[in-house]
Amino acid sequence: MDSPDLPLKTGHWQYPTYASSDNVSTQNLIMPPSKRESVLDVRNLGYRLRVRKELIGRRTRVSDMAFLLAIIGIIIVIIDTECQFAKVYSTAATISIYLRVITSITTIGVLVAIVMYHVIGIKLRLISRGLSNWKLVTTWKDFAKLVAELVICSIHPLPFTTTARLPMYVSSVDDLHAFTVEGLPINSLFSILMFARIYLLMRFLVVHSALFCDTTVQSLGAMSNVNINAQFVFKALMSQWPGCCLISIMGIVLLVNSYSLRMCEHYALEAHQSTFFMQAIWMTCVTFLTLGYGDIVPRTTCGRVLAIFTGMMGVGLMALCVAVLTRKLEQSRGEKYVHTFVQQISFDKLYKNSAAKVVTEFLILCRMRREGVDASDDRIIIHRRRLLRAVRKMSHARYLRTQVGESLVGPVEINQNVNEVYGIVETVRDDHDNMKSRIRNIEQLMTSMHDQLKEIKTMVRASCPSSPISEVERPQSANLFESCSESAS
């Protein structure tokens, strides 16, 4: 811990720090190893907090740089691809090569930023746990994530001109069962796979989220054993703004998959390339919503693979939409209580009206019987039918009222019942304590009575002479004892 009793010193850190009592200098983890004397002094908490704050800021800047370079690379690839599709220039043109070289430079920058992001994450874990060896805070999963990100972000069109093509099956326009083998340029395939970099958008949103950057949230998560990571931030965003999140995700999926499908189908449908982008959007929407009209179908192997992934993503996002709508349409606790209370009042009215109708019809039948109306008369039959109908309605109203009453059982009612049971238990406990105090008073009273009887016996023995009494004189001695007792009293 920082102590004001220790002198301040100026080291590699931009702020002065307190010197340690055992002359162990604390160095900045961001400094290179050649300028670092010791990795960390775990007792200098103020230094650790300052280093952690700067590392978080640096990680945010690195993430912003990686996202910006990835978006720039994707935009350059789209411009180059569209110019080639419009036959403004060919693949071997100088401007196309320059654009691909710029894309390669941005890719290198993205890879460097990803490595820096993971290194800063390891340093943050070292700072948080007060350790000095990076091997103690890393696992094989960290290296697997780093390798996977490097592989995904390294895919981009080759800067040099190549004639390599990926063979794929293309179905005929007239007969879908007739296939021909065509070639998809490698750079077109790399351009499609380059859209996988969009995952950096999620990281960009996470590092700029208040939940991820706030120290209080991080502390609460550490105390509650909750990881404040991208998954936690995504759940919080889905809980706070579910509509915006779903619409954004569906919009990104629609645009990316539609453009990728256009790039796949361009070389198979060159005669319809001017209007195929709108058809690709329509087919992506139909596949995404799992409708499958069949008016437009992908004819290449690449397009069919994209259609499969689009359908899988559509199923997942539609499930999320259904869950969000279900939660939004569900009544809150207050709304549910108000609605149930209104229903209960209406069922009570129905029950009372039915009971009154039963009594009315029964009195009418009794009056008609006293008047001597025949049981087979139409009036008797009509009133009997009304009586039976009123009885059934009353029974149904009682059943509905019971069902509504059972639906009212919730956490509030359970809490009320628990409080009532607790009150009853407290009453029984008080009665038990009163009974114990009364029994204790009775015991004390009996003890005092016993002591008084002992004193009386002692006084009687002291006031009466003690002499041997024969069997004959026993009745006389008994009379004498009684006279002595009377005199003593």
Protein backbone atom coordinates (compact mmCIF):
# COMPACT_ATOMS: atom_id res chain seq x y z
CA MET A 1 0.00 0.00 0.00
CA ASP A 2 1.09 3.60 -0.57
CA SER A 3 2.32 5.13 2.63
CA PRO A 4 2.78 8.88 3.17
CA ASP A 5 5.63 8.07 5.53
CA LEU A 6 7.75 6.89 2.58
CA PRO A 7 9.53 9.41 0.32
CA LEU A 8 8.40 10.06 -3.27
CA LYS A 9 10.72 9.06 -6.07
CA THR A 10 10.72 9.57 -9.83
CA GLY A 11 11.10 6.42 -11.91
CA HIS A 12 10.11 5.34 -15.38
CA TRP A 13 6.45 6.18 -14.62
CA GLN A 14 5.23 9.65 -15.54
CA TYR A 15 3.92 10.19 -11.99
CA PRO A 16 6.13 10.04 -8.87
CA THR A 17 5.55 6.97 -6.71
CA TYR A 18 6.26 6.09 -3.10
CA ALA A 19 9.52 4.32 -2.46
CA SER A 20 9.29 0.89 -0.86
CA SER A 21 10.60 0.40 2.65
CA ASP A 22 12.82 -2.49 1.51
CA ASN A 23 14.35 -0.44 -1.34
CA VAL A 24 12.56 -2.50 -4.02
CA SER A 25 11.76 -0.18 -6.91
CA THR A 26 8.42 -0.45 -8.69
CA GLN A 27 8.58 -0.22 -12.44
CA ASN A 28 6.02 0.31 -15.14
CA LEU A 29 4.80 -2.84 -16.84
CA ILE A 30 4.49 -0.96 -20.10
CA MET A 31 8.22 -0.20 -20.18
CA PRO A 32 10.42 -2.52 -22.29
CA PRO A 33 12.35 -5.25 -20.45
CA SER A 34 15.67 -3.50 -21.01
CA LYS A 35 14.51 -0.51 -18.90
CA ARG A 36 12.65 -2.54 -16.30
CA GLU A 37 14.35 -3.30 -13.00
CA SER A 38 11.53 -5.17 -11.29
CA VAL A 39 8.20 -6.19 -12.70
CA LEU A 40 5.81 -5.26 -9.91
CA ASP A 41 5.69 -4.27 -6.29
CA VAL A 42 2.41 -5.72 -5.11
CA ARG A 43 2.26 -3.42 -2.08
CA ASN A 44 2.16 -0.25 -4.18
CA LEU A 45 -1.60 -0.26 -4.84
CA GLY A 46 -1.74 3.31 -6.13
CA TYR A 47 0.85 2.50 -8.77
CA ARG A 48 -1.06 -0.60 -9.84
CA LEU A 49 -4.29 1.36 -10.20
CA ARG A 50 -2.58 4.01 -12.33
CA VAL A 51 -0.99 1.36 -14.55
CA ARG A 52 -4.34 -0.43 -14.89
CA LYS A 53 -6.07 2.79 -15.92
CA GLU A 54 -3.47 3.52 -18.59
CA LEU A 55 -3.56 -0.06 -19.87
CA ILE A 56 -7.35 0.12 -20.23
CA GLY A 57 -7.03 3.36 -22.18
CA ARG A 58 -4.31 1.92 -24.38
CA ARG A 59 -6.37 -1.23 -25.04
CA THR A 60 -9.31 0.94 -26.11
CA ARG A 61 -7.11 2.87 -28.54
CA VAL A 62 -5.67 -0.34 -29.96
CA SER A 63 -9.15 -1.79 -30.45
CA ASP A 64 -10.27 1.39 -32.22
CA MET A 65 -7.24 1.23 -34.50
CA ALA A 66 -7.88 -2.42 -35.38
CA PHE A 67 -11.56 -1.76 -36.14
CA LEU A 68 -10.78 1.30 -38.25
CA LEU A 69 -8.12 -0.50 -40.29
CA ALA A 70 -10.41 -3.50 -40.82
CA ILE A 71 -13.26 -1.28 -42.09
CA ILE A 72 -10.88 0.61 -44.39
CA GLY A 73 -9.63 -2.66 -45.85
CA ILE A 74 -13.17 -3.94 -46.46
CA ILE A 75 -14.21 -0.67 -48.14
CA ILE A 76 -11.15 -0.74 -50.43
CA VAL A 77 -11.88 -4.34 -51.42
CA ILE A 78 -15.53 -3.49 -52.21
CA ILE A 79 -14.46 -0.53 -54.38
CA ASP A 80 -11.92 -2.66 -56.23
CA THR A 81 -14.42 -5.49 -56.76
CA GLU A 82 -17.16 -3.18 -58.03
CA CYS A 83 -14.79 -1.50 -60.47
CA GLN A 84 -13.77 -4.89 -61.82
CA PHE A 85 -17.40 -6.02 -62.10
CA ALA A 86 -18.26 -2.81 -63.95
CA LYS A 87 -15.22 -3.42 -66.21
CA VAL A 88 -13.68 -0.05 -65.36
CA TYR A 89 -10.33 -1.82 -65.21
CA SER A 90 -9.11 -5.40 -65.11
CA THR A 91 -7.44 -7.36 -62.35
CA ALA A 92 -4.00 -6.73 -63.83
CA ALA A 93 -4.44 -2.93 -63.86
CA THR A 94 -2.00 -0.84 -61.86
CA ILE A 95 -4.68 0.86 -59.79
CA SER A 96 -6.12 -2.52 -58.81
CA ILE A 97 -2.68 -3.68 -57.66
CA TYR A 98 -2.23 -0.47 -55.66
CA LEU A 99 -5.59 -0.95 -53.95
CA ARG A 100 -4.72 -4.54 -53.03
CA VAL A 101 -1.34 -3.40 -51.67
CA ILE A 102 -3.11 -0.84 -49.47
CA THR A 103 -5.42 -3.64 -48.31
CA SER A 104 -2.38 -5.74 -47.39
CA ILE A 105 -0.89 -2.83 -45.41
CA THR A 106 -4.13 -2.37 -43.48
CA THR A 107 -4.22 -6.13 -42.84
CA ILE A 108 -0.72 -6.01 -41.34
CA GLY A 109 -1.82 -3.12 -39.14
CA VAL A 110 -4.88 -5.12 -38.01
CA LEU A 111 -2.71 -8.12 -37.11
CA VAL A 112 -0.29 -5.96 -35.10
CA ALA A 113 -3.22 -4.32 -33.28
CA ILE A 114 -4.70 -7.73 -32.42
CA VAL A 115 -1.40 -8.92 -30.95
CA MET A 116 -1.08 -5.70 -28.95
CA TYR A 117 -4.66 -6.10 -27.69
CA HIS A 118 -3.94 -9.58 -26.31
CA VAL A 119 -0.61 -8.51 -24.80
CA ILE A 120 -2.30 -5.61 -23.00
CA GLY A 121 -4.96 -8.03 -21.76
CA ILE A 122 -2.25 -10.25 -20.25
CA LYS A 123 -0.65 -7.21 -18.57
CA LEU A 124 -4.01 -6.20 -17.14
CA ARG A 125 -4.40 -9.64 -15.60
CA LEU A 126 -0.91 -9.38 -14.14
CA ILE A 127 -1.78 -6.02 -12.60
CA SER A 128 -5.13 -7.22 -11.23
CA ARG A 129 -3.70 -10.35 -9.61
CA GLY A 130 -0.42 -8.85 -8.45
CA LEU A 131 1.74 -11.35 -10.32
CA SER A 132 4.94 -10.92 -12.35
CA ASN A 133 5.10 -14.00 -14.59
CA TRP A 134 2.84 -13.96 -17.66
CA LYS A 135 2.75 -17.77 -17.73
CA LEU A 136 0.68 -17.77 -14.54
CA VAL A 137 -2.23 -15.88 -16.13
CA THR A 138 -2.33 -17.46 -19.60
CA THR A 139 -3.74 -20.77 -20.81
CA TRP A 140 -3.89 -22.59 -24.10
CA LYS A 141 -7.30 -21.00 -24.74
CA ASP A 142 -5.69 -17.55 -24.87
CA PHE A 143 -3.20 -18.70 -27.51
CA ALA A 144 -5.97 -20.46 -29.44
CA LYS A 145 -8.03 -17.24 -29.52
CA LEU A 146 -5.00 -15.24 -30.67
CA VAL A 147 -4.19 -17.70 -33.46
CA ALA A 148 -7.84 -17.85 -34.59
CA GLU A 149 -8.08 -14.05 -34.76
CA LEU A 150 -4.81 -13.79 -36.66
CA VAL A 151 -5.98 -16.39 -39.18
CA ILE A 152 -9.38 -14.70 -39.68
CA CYS A 153 -7.96 -11.19 -40.05
CA SER A 154 -5.07 -12.22 -42.28
CA ILE A 155 -7.39 -13.30 -45.10
CA HIS A 156 -7.45 -10.66 -47.83
CA PRO A 157 -7.04 -10.49 -51.63
CA LEU A 158 -3.47 -11.16 -52.74
CA PRO A 159 -1.64 -8.00 -53.83
CA PHE A 160 -0.15 -9.60 -56.93
CA THR A 161 -2.03 -10.75 -60.00
CA THR A 162 -2.93 -14.42 -59.96
CA THR A 163 -4.94 -16.64 -62.25
CA ALA A 164 -5.65 -19.27 -59.60
CA ARG A 165 -9.27 -20.34 -59.47
CA LEU A 166 -11.29 -22.49 -57.13
CA PRO A 167 -13.33 -25.07 -59.08
CA MET A 168 -17.03 -25.18 -58.22
CA TYR A 169 -20.17 -26.74 -59.60
CA VAL A 170 -22.62 -24.44 -61.37
CA SER A 171 -26.12 -25.60 -62.23
CA SER A 172 -27.66 -24.74 -65.57
CA VAL A 173 -30.29 -22.02 -65.81
CA ASP A 174 -32.67 -24.26 -67.76
CA ASP A 175 -32.02 -27.53 -65.95
CA LEU A 176 -31.03 -27.43 -62.28
CA HIS A 177 -29.85 -31.05 -62.44
CA ALA A 178 -27.27 -30.27 -65.12
CA PHE A 179 -23.96 -29.08 -63.70
CA THR A 180 -20.88 -27.53 -65.20
CA VAL A 181 -17.55 -26.88 -63.55
CA GLU A 182 -16.55 -23.23 -63.36
CA GLY A 183 -13.72 -21.45 -61.60
CA LEU A 184 -14.09 -18.88 -58.82
CA PRO A 185 -11.06 -16.55 -58.57
CA ILE A 186 -9.10 -16.94 -55.36
CA ASN A 187 -9.18 -13.19 -54.72
CA SER A 188 -12.98 -13.21 -54.91
CA LEU A 189 -13.11 -16.01 -52.33
CA PHE A 190 -10.68 -14.09 -50.09
CA SER A 191 -12.84 -10.96 -50.49
CA ILE A 192 -15.89 -12.89 -49.28
CA LEU A 193 -14.01 -14.34 -46.29
CA MET A 194 -12.69 -10.88 -45.45
CA PHE A 195 -16.14 -9.92 -44.13
CA ALA A 196 -15.42 -12.11 -41.09
CA ARG A 197 -13.51 -9.12 -39.68
CA ILE A 198 -16.84 -7.56 -38.74
CA TYR A 199 -16.53 -9.33 -35.37
CA LEU A 200 -14.22 -6.44 -34.44
CA LEU A 201 -17.35 -4.27 -34.35
CA MET A 202 -18.53 -6.21 -31.30
CA ARG A 203 -15.16 -5.69 -29.62
CA PHE A 204 -15.32 -1.99 -30.46
CA LEU A 205 -18.74 -1.73 -28.75
CA VAL A 206 -17.53 -3.74 -25.74
CA VAL A 207 -14.41 -1.68 -24.99
CA HIS A 208 -16.46 1.54 -25.23
CA SER A 209 -19.24 0.22 -23.01
CA ALA A 210 -19.62 1.81 -19.58
CA LEU A 211 -20.17 -1.64 -18.06
CA PHE A 212 -16.79 -2.82 -19.33
CA CYS A 213 -14.80 0.31 -18.45
CA ASP A 214 -16.35 1.23 -15.10
CA THR A 215 -14.17 0.30 -12.14
CA THR A 216 -17.20 -0.11 -9.87
CA VAL A 217 -18.76 -2.70 -12.19
CA GLN A 218 -15.46 -4.57 -12.41
CA SER A 219 -15.18 -4.63 -8.61
CA LEU A 220 -18.76 -5.84 -8.19
CA GLY A 221 -18.13 -8.54 -10.78
CA ALA A 222 -14.99 -9.68 -8.98
CA MET A 223 -16.82 -9.85 -5.63
CA SER A 224 -19.81 -11.66 -7.19
CA ASN A 225 -17.64 -14.05 -9.24
CA VAL A 226 -19.09 -12.67 -12.51
CA ASN A 227 -16.90 -12.17 -15.58
CA ILE A 228 -17.43 -8.71 -17.09
CA ASN A 229 -16.67 -9.71 -20.67
CA ALA A 230 -18.20 -9.40 -24.14
CA GLN A 231 -20.90 -11.93 -23.33
CA PHE A 232 -21.97 -9.96 -20.26
CA VAL A 233 -22.07 -6.70 -22.24
CA PHE A 234 -24.09 -8.32 -25.05
CA LYS A 235 -26.65 -9.66 -22.57
CA ALA A 236 -26.91 -6.22 -20.95
CA LEU A 237 -27.44 -4.55 -24.34
CA MET A 238 -30.06 -7.13 -25.32
CA SER A 239 -31.84 -6.53 -22.03
CA GLN A 240 -31.69 -2.74 -22.33
CA TRP A 241 -32.16 -2.20 -26.10
CA PRO A 242 -33.36 -5.50 -27.58
CA GLY A 243 -35.04 -3.96 -30.64
CA CYS A 244 -32.03 -1.90 -31.71
CA CYS A 245 -29.64 -4.82 -31.24
CA LEU A 246 -31.74 -7.26 -33.26
CA ILE A 247 -32.41 -4.78 -36.06
CA SER A 248 -28.70 -3.93 -36.29
CA ILE A 249 -27.65 -7.59 -36.39
CA MET A 250 -30.25 -8.46 -39.02
CA GLY A 251 -29.26 -5.46 -41.14
CA ILE A 252 -25.57 -6.42 -41.06
CA VAL A 253 -26.34 -10.06 -41.87
CA LEU A 254 -28.63 -9.03 -44.75
CA LEU A 255 -26.09 -6.70 -46.38
CA VAL A 256 -23.03 -8.90 -45.91
CA ASN A 257 -24.68 -12.12 -47.07
CA SER A 258 -26.37 -10.43 -50.03
CA TYR A 259 -23.12 -8.91 -51.28
CA SER A 260 -21.23 -12.17 -50.72
CA LEU A 261 -23.90 -14.06 -52.65
CA ARG A 262 -23.61 -11.56 -55.49
CA MET A 263 -19.86 -12.11 -55.65
CA CYS A 264 -20.36 -15.87 -55.73
CA GLU A 265 -23.01 -15.80 -58.43
CA HIS A 266 -21.41 -13.08 -60.56
CA TYR A 267 -19.24 -15.42 -62.61
CA ALA A 268 -22.13 -17.86 -63.22
CA LEU A 269 -24.77 -15.26 -64.16
CA GLU A 270 -22.84 -12.62 -66.09
CA ALA A 271 -25.86 -11.97 -68.32
CA HIS A 272 -27.96 -10.85 -65.33
CA GLN A 273 -25.25 -9.22 -63.23
CA SER A 274 -26.81 -5.72 -63.41
CA THR A 275 -29.97 -6.78 -61.58
CA PHE A 276 -28.69 -9.72 -59.52
CA PHE A 277 -27.81 -7.67 -56.43
CA MET A 278 -31.50 -6.89 -55.78
CA GLN A 279 -32.33 -10.53 -56.43
CA ALA A 280 -29.59 -11.53 -53.98
CA ILE A 281 -31.15 -9.29 -51.31
CA TRP A 282 -34.55 -10.88 -51.98
CA MET A 283 -33.17 -14.41 -51.81
CA THR A 284 -31.24 -13.61 -48.62
CA CYS A 285 -34.40 -12.26 -46.97
CA VAL A 286 -36.43 -15.30 -48.02
CA THR A 287 -33.73 -17.68 -46.78
CA PHE A 288 -33.19 -15.70 -43.59
CA LEU A 289 -36.89 -15.87 -42.73
CA THR A 290 -36.92 -19.62 -43.59
CA LEU A 291 -39.65 -19.12 -46.21
CA GLY A 292 -37.96 -20.59 -49.27
CA TYR A 293 -40.26 -19.60 -52.13
CA GLY A 294 -37.90 -21.09 -54.70
CA ASP A 295 -38.32 -18.37 -57.31
CA ILE A 296 -34.61 -17.50 -57.00
CA VAL A 297 -32.07 -20.15 -56.09
CA PRO A 298 -28.26 -20.07 -55.87
CA ARG A 299 -26.61 -21.89 -58.78
CA THR A 300 -23.04 -22.13 -57.51
CA THR A 301 -21.58 -24.19 -54.71
CA CYS A 302 -20.34 -21.03 -53.01
CA GLY A 303 -23.81 -19.46 -53.14
CA ARG A 304 -25.45 -22.56 -51.70
CA VAL A 305 -23.00 -22.67 -48.79
CA LEU A 306 -23.81 -19.02 -48.07
CA ALA A 307 -27.53 -19.82 -48.24
CA ILE A 308 -27.05 -22.56 -45.62
CA PHE A 309 -25.26 -20.18 -43.25
CA THR A 310 -27.92 -17.53 -43.87
CA GLY A 311 -30.68 -19.97 -42.95
CA MET A 312 -28.87 -21.03 -39.76
CA MET A 313 -28.37 -17.40 -38.69
CA GLY A 314 -32.01 -16.67 -39.53
CA VAL A 315 -33.23 -19.48 -37.27
CA GLY A 316 -31.13 -18.18 -34.36
CA LEU A 317 -32.14 -14.54 -34.79
CA MET A 318 -35.82 -15.44 -35.22
CA ALA A 319 -35.64 -17.36 -31.94
CA LEU A 320 -34.18 -14.25 -30.29
CA CYS A 321 -36.97 -12.13 -31.79
CA VAL A 322 -39.63 -14.50 -30.44
CA ALA A 323 -38.02 -14.44 -26.98
CA VAL A 324 -37.87 -10.62 -26.98
CA LEU A 325 -41.48 -10.29 -28.15
CA THR A 326 -42.64 -12.78 -25.53
CA ARG A 327 -40.91 -10.82 -22.79
CA LYS A 328 -42.27 -7.51 -24.06
CA LEU A 329 -45.86 -8.79 -24.37
CA GLU A 330 -45.80 -10.42 -20.95
CA GLN A 331 -47.66 -8.46 -18.29
CA SER A 332 -45.69 -6.96 -15.46
CA ARG A 333 -46.48 -7.84 -11.87
CA GLY A 334 -48.57 -4.72 -11.32
CA GLU A 335 -50.48 -5.15 -14.59
CA LYS A 336 -51.12 -8.79 -13.80
CA TYR A 337 -52.50 -7.95 -10.34
CA VAL A 338 -54.78 -5.24 -11.72
CA HIS A 339 -56.11 -7.51 -14.47
CA THR A 340 -56.63 -10.40 -12.06
CA PHE A 341 -58.38 -8.15 -9.55
CA VAL A 342 -60.78 -6.91 -12.25
CA GLN A 343 -61.47 -10.49 -13.30
CA GLN A 344 -62.11 -11.52 -9.72
CA ILE A 345 -64.63 -8.69 -9.28
CA SER A 346 -66.45 -9.67 -12.48
CA PHE A 347 -66.59 -13.34 -11.45
CA ASP A 348 -67.87 -12.36 -8.00
CA LYS A 349 -70.67 -10.38 -9.66
CA LEU A 350 -71.48 -13.31 -11.92
CA TYR A 351 -71.58 -15.69 -8.94
CA LYS A 352 -73.85 -13.40 -6.94
CA ASN A 353 -76.21 -12.84 -9.88
CA SER A 354 -76.38 -16.57 -10.53
CA ALA A 355 -77.07 -17.28 -6.86
CA ALA A 356 -79.82 -14.65 -6.86
CA LYS A 357 -81.27 -16.21 -10.01
CA VAL A 358 -81.26 -19.66 -8.33
CA VAL A 359 -83.11 -18.32 -5.30
CA THR A 360 -85.62 -16.48 -7.51
CA GLU A 361 -86.44 -19.50 -9.65
CA PHE A 362 -86.68 -21.75 -6.59
CA LEU A 363 -89.17 -19.39 -4.89
CA ILE A 364 -91.23 -19.18 -8.09
CA LEU A 365 -91.40 -23.00 -8.26
CA CYS A 366 -92.40 -23.20 -4.59
CA ARG A 367 -95.16 -20.64 -5.14
CA MET A 368 -96.45 -22.47 -8.18
CA ARG A 369 -96.53 -25.76 -6.29
CA ARG A 370 -98.48 -24.18 -3.45
CA GLU A 371 -100.94 -22.90 -6.03
CA GLY A 372 -101.41 -26.46 -7.23
CA VAL A 373 -99.90 -26.12 -10.68
CA ASP A 374 -99.35 -29.47 -12.33
CA ALA A 375 -95.71 -30.67 -12.60
CA SER A 376 -96.14 -31.29 -16.33
CA ASP A 377 -97.21 -27.72 -16.96
CA ASP A 378 -95.07 -25.72 -19.39
CA ARG A 379 -94.49 -22.95 -16.87
CA ILE A 380 -93.03 -25.44 -14.34
CA ILE A 381 -90.73 -26.92 -16.99
CA ILE A 382 -89.55 -23.48 -18.13
CA HIS A 383 -88.70 -22.39 -14.57
CA ARG A 384 -86.97 -25.71 -13.89
CA ARG A 385 -84.78 -25.19 -16.94
CA ARG A 386 -83.96 -21.68 -15.77
CA LEU A 387 -83.15 -23.04 -12.31
CA LEU A 388 -80.78 -25.69 -13.70
CA ARG A 389 -79.13 -23.14 -16.00
CA ALA A 390 -78.62 -20.75 -13.05
CA VAL A 391 -77.13 -23.56 -10.93
CA ARG A 392 -74.66 -24.49 -13.70
CA LYS A 393 -73.73 -20.85 -14.19
CA MET A 394 -73.17 -20.42 -10.45
CA SER A 395 -70.96 -23.51 -10.31
CA HIS A 396 -68.94 -22.29 -13.30
CA ALA A 397 -68.55 -18.83 -11.75
CA ARG A 398 -67.30 -20.44 -8.51
CA TYR A 399 -64.78 -22.50 -10.49
CA LEU A 400 -63.52 -19.44 -12.38
CA ARG A 401 -63.23 -17.45 -9.19
CA THR A 402 -61.18 -20.26 -7.65
CA GLN A 403 -58.88 -20.34 -10.67
CA VAL A 404 -58.34 -16.58 -10.51
CA GLY A 405 -57.61 -16.80 -6.80
CA GLU A 406 -54.97 -19.46 -7.44
CA SER A 407 -53.36 -17.32 -10.13
CA LEU A 408 -52.95 -14.54 -7.57
CA VAL A 409 -50.42 -16.62 -5.66
CA GLY A 410 -47.10 -14.94 -6.32
CA PRO A 411 -44.03 -13.77 -4.45
CA VAL A 412 -46.00 -11.03 -2.70
CA GLU A 413 -48.65 -13.47 -1.47
CA ILE A 414 -46.00 -15.95 -0.39
CA ASN A 415 -44.27 -13.16 1.53
CA GLN A 416 -47.55 -12.23 3.20
CA ASN A 417 -48.19 -15.86 4.17
CA VAL A 418 -44.68 -16.17 5.53
CA ASN A 419 -45.20 -13.00 7.58
CA GLU A 420 -48.50 -14.35 8.91
CA VAL A 421 -46.88 -17.65 9.88
CA TYR A 422 -44.05 -15.75 11.51
CA GLY A 423 -46.57 -13.69 13.50
CA ILE A 424 -48.36 -16.85 14.65
CA VAL A 425 -45.06 -18.42 15.70
CA GLU A 426 -44.15 -15.27 17.64
CA THR A 427 -47.54 -15.34 19.40
CA VAL A 428 -47.10 -18.99 20.36
CA ARG A 429 -43.60 -18.24 21.59
CA ASP A 430 -44.87 -15.36 23.76
CA ASP A 431 -47.62 -17.58 25.20
CA HIS A 432 -45.03 -20.24 25.91
CA ASP A 433 -42.83 -17.71 27.70
CA ASN A 434 -45.81 -16.51 29.76
CA MET A 435 -46.66 -20.10 30.67
CA LYS A 436 -43.08 -20.74 31.74
CA SER A 437 -43.08 -17.62 33.91
CA ARG A 438 -46.37 -18.67 35.52
CA ILE A 439 -45.07 -22.18 36.22
CA ARG A 440 -41.93 -20.64 37.70
CA ASN A 441 -44.05 -18.42 39.98
CA ILE A 442 -46.12 -21.43 41.07
CA GLU A 443 -42.91 -23.34 41.89
CA GLN A 444 -41.65 -20.41 43.96
CA LEU A 445 -44.99 -20.19 45.76
CA MET A 446 -44.93 -23.92 46.56
CA THR A 447 -41.38 -23.63 47.82
CA SER A 448 -42.33 -20.77 50.15
CA MET A 449 -45.36 -22.76 51.39
CA HIS A 450 -43.09 -25.73 52.06
CA ASP A 451 -40.71 -23.53 54.06
CA GLN A 452 -43.61 -22.09 56.07
CA LEU A 453 -44.88 -25.60 56.86
CA LYS A 454 -41.42 -26.53 58.08
CA GLU A 455 -41.36 -23.49 60.37
CA ILE A 456 -44.79 -24.35 61.73
CA LYS A 457 -43.68 -27.91 62.42
CA THR A 458 -40.59 -26.66 64.20
CA MET A 459 -42.66 -24.28 66.35
CA VAL A 460 -45.10 -27.06 67.25
CA ARG A 461 -42.32 -29.35 68.31
CA ALA A 462 -40.71 -26.59 70.39
CA SER A 463 -43.94 -25.67 72.18
CA CYS A 464 -44.96 -29.27 73.08
CA PRO A 465 -42.84 -31.44 75.51
CA SER A 466 -41.40 -34.51 74.04
CA SER A 467 -41.90 -37.70 76.15
CA PRO A 468 -42.23 -41.35 75.26
CA ILE A 469 -45.83 -42.22 74.57
CA SER A 470 -47.17 -45.68 74.94
CA GLU A 471 -49.67 -47.33 72.74
CA VAL A 472 -52.43 -46.66 75.18
CA GLU A 473 -51.62 -42.99 75.55
CA ARG A 474 -51.37 -42.33 71.81
CA PRO A 475 -54.94 -41.00 71.41
CA GLN A 476 -54.39 -38.67 74.33
CA SER A 477 -51.08 -37.45 72.91
CA ALA A 478 -52.78 -36.84 69.61
CA ASN A 479 -55.40 -34.72 71.31
CA LEU A 480 -52.66 -32.89 73.13
CA PHE A 481 -50.81 -32.27 69.84
CA GLU A 482 -53.94 -30.83 68.32
CA SER A 483 -54.47 -28.53 71.34
CA CYS A 484 -50.88 -27.36 71.11
CA SER A 485 -51.28 -26.67 67.42
CA GLU A 486 -54.40 -24.61 68.11
CA SER A 487 -52.65 -22.62 70.80
CA ALA A 488 -49.67 -21.99 68.51
CA SER A 489 -51.89 -20.77 65.74
